[in-house]
Each structure stands twice: as structure tokens, then as C-alpha cells.
Amino acid sequence: MFNPHCAAFLLAVEAQKVIELPLLRIAWDGAEARVEMVSMVGEKVVAAMEAGNTLLACGTHDQVVTHYRELVVDTTRRFTA
């Protein structure tokens, strides 16, 4: 059986790239940076609410981590495209 701690560790590793890419865009400044900062906050709030809803609906830690990993992959694709 897959260890849930392994999935959480993978999420932490994968999230580093998602943190790096917008910070580079913000460091270069410009109009895109301001839009990105607002977008980042909104995405985090929505993701936290989704995680809370999953847990309130008797979801598991593994479901929350899996969903966050999907969001990380989507965001990485968006920044590297």
C-alpha cells in the first residue's frame, strides 16, 4: 500500500517549482507580476476551502494531498507553457 506520508513529501518537493516560477515573475515586476500576486492569493484561498470541504465531507488526508498535487501539476504546466 502507498504510504500517505510519501505523497505529502512529493507534494512538498513538487510545490517548490510552483513557488519558484511566480516569484521569478514577480521579481521581474511589470503588469504580469501584479496580476500574478492577486491570482496567487485567490488560488490559495479557493484551494484551502476545497480542502476544508473535503475533510468536512469525511474525506481523507490522502484525497486532499492528491487534489493539491493535481493543482500543483496544473499550475506548473501553466507557468512553463
Protein backbone atom coordinates (compact mmCIF):
# COMPACT_ATOMS: atom_id res chain seq x y z
CA MET A 1 0.00 0.00 0.00
CA PHE A 2 1.18 3.52 -0.82
CA ASN A 3 2.43 5.44 2.21
CA PRO A 4 0.42 8.71 2.59
CA HIS A 5 3.48 10.43 4.04
CA CYS A 6 5.28 9.75 0.76
CA ALA A 7 2.53 11.61 -1.15
CA ALA A 8 2.83 14.57 1.23
CA PHE A 9 6.60 14.59 0.74
CA LEU A 10 6.19 14.52 -3.04
CA LEU A 11 3.74 17.43 -2.78
CA ALA A 12 6.32 19.44 -0.85
CA VAL A 13 9.01 18.73 -3.45
CA GLU A 14 6.76 19.45 -6.43
CA ALA A 15 5.44 22.64 -4.88
CA GLN A 16 8.93 24.15 -4.81
CA LYS A 17 8.80 24.66 -8.59
CA VAL A 18 5.34 26.24 -8.34
CA ILE A 19 6.69 28.63 -5.71
CA GLU A 20 9.79 29.48 -7.74
CA LEU A 21 8.10 30.29 -11.05
CA PRO A 22 5.68 33.02 -9.87
CA LEU A 23 8.32 34.54 -7.61
CA LEU A 24 10.61 34.95 -10.61
CA ARG A 25 7.80 36.63 -12.50
CA ILE A 26 7.15 38.94 -9.53
CA ALA A 27 10.86 39.70 -9.19
CA TRP A 28 10.94 40.94 -12.80
CA ASP A 29 7.94 43.16 -11.92
CA GLY A 30 5.60 44.56 -14.52
CA ALA A 31 1.88 44.24 -15.14
CA GLU A 32 2.00 40.46 -15.10
CA ALA A 33 3.51 40.47 -11.63
CA ARG A 34 0.62 42.39 -10.09
CA VAL A 35 -1.93 40.14 -11.74
CA GLU A 36 0.03 37.09 -10.57
CA MET A 37 0.09 38.26 -6.95
CA VAL A 38 -3.69 38.69 -6.87
CA SER A 39 -4.17 35.36 -8.63
CA MET A 40 -1.87 33.55 -6.18
CA VAL A 41 -3.85 34.70 -3.17
CA GLY A 42 -7.17 33.78 -4.76
CA GLU A 43 -5.94 30.32 -5.76
CA LYS A 44 -4.68 29.63 -2.24
CA VAL A 45 -7.99 30.65 -0.65
CA VAL A 46 -10.01 28.50 -3.04
CA ALA A 47 -7.69 25.51 -2.54
CA ALA A 48 -7.91 25.82 1.25
CA MET A 49 -11.70 25.99 1.10
CA GLU A 50 -11.80 22.91 -1.13
CA ALA A 51 -9.54 21.02 1.28
CA GLY A 52 -11.77 22.00 4.21
CA ASN A 53 -14.87 20.91 2.34
CA THR A 54 -13.26 17.57 1.52
CA LEU A 55 -12.42 16.94 5.16
CA LEU A 56 -15.86 18.09 6.36
CA ALA A 57 -17.43 15.64 3.92
CA CYS A 58 -15.48 12.82 5.62
CA GLY A 59 -12.74 12.87 3.01
CA THR A 60 -9.29 11.61 3.78
CA HIS A 61 -5.90 13.26 4.09
CA ASP A 62 -4.84 11.32 1.01
CA GLN A 63 -7.69 12.83 -1.04
CA VAL A 64 -6.65 16.34 -0.02
CA VAL A 65 -2.99 15.74 -0.84
CA THR A 66 -3.89 14.13 -4.18
CA HIS A 67 -6.03 17.12 -5.12
CA TYR A 68 -3.27 19.56 -4.14
CA ARG A 69 -0.79 17.59 -6.23
CA GLU A 70 -3.13 17.88 -9.23
CA LEU A 71 -3.32 21.64 -8.69
CA VAL A 72 0.48 21.84 -8.49
CA VAL A 73 0.86 19.96 -11.78
CA ASP A 74 -1.72 22.21 -13.48
CA THR A 75 -0.02 25.36 -12.20
CA THR A 76 3.41 24.13 -13.25
CA ARG A 77 2.11 23.47 -16.77
CA ARG A 78 0.56 26.94 -16.87
CA PHE A 79 3.84 28.65 -15.93
CA THR A 80 6.08 26.57 -18.18
CA ALA A 81 3.86 26.87 -21.26
